[in-house]
Amino acid sequence: MNAASRLGRPARGRGALEPFADRSGAESPLSPIALPTSRGRLRGVRSAGRAPCYRFRPSSRATTARTSLRGDGRVHYCRPMAITPHIVVRDAERAVAFYREAFAAEELSRIPTPDARLMSVQLRIGDGLLHLADEFPELGVLAPPSIGGTPVVLALDVPDAEAVFTRAVAAGATVRQPLQEVFWGDLHGQLDDPFGHRWNVSQHLRDVPHDEIVAAGARAFS
């Protein structure tokens, strides 16, 4: 059964998804992300040793804002999906220095504004990306202290939690939960940074069966 048969066929005339070859002429080894079938039709099957990659080929009657941005009239879905946090801080310049010191962040780019604020700074922390910006209250862009805290926790999975935790505290982070081995098999602790953002620092120690984690969680919250 091919991909089109598994996902079903949408209404005709909307367009189609077709396998996308890289510059070498081979199908991309990246897996396609989930796509709504109401916009197109999956064509092609998995090739030996490779997961297919698809792109949307609109029909003459299919017009979307996304396709209009592409010069070749095609929307490519070949990059794996990633979620990159964009956070707001008071004094982005100082925040960059803190994340560099605490988490060994590497600055990749920045966009300043004429009034000396930073609209965007892109950092790399390990294999992940973090974007941060100064507050822009006139646009409703506010940091945690301006809105009474944060409901979000940023998580770092690291090979040496103790070293990262110690380094972050030395740079100015505050301990919320000290490092300890937890029931899901990690060495885990939580920090508040000086800008109101909360961070988990975790190091995986051992695999724990899921049913044991569920049971331990129930005991912890009973």
Foldseek 3Di string as FASTA:
>chain_A
DFPQVVQDAADPQQWAKEFDADPVRHFDQAAFDDDDRNRYGYDDHQDPPGHTFIKTQGGPPHDDPQLVVDPVSIGGRRDDDDDEEEAEFAPVVVVVVLCCQQQVKDWDDWDADPVGWTQWTWIDRPNGIYIYTYADVVVPRDFQVVVPADPDEAEDEDQDLVVSVVRNVVSPKAWPADFDQDQQQWRWTKIAHPGRHIYIYIYGHDHDDPVSVVVVVVVVVD
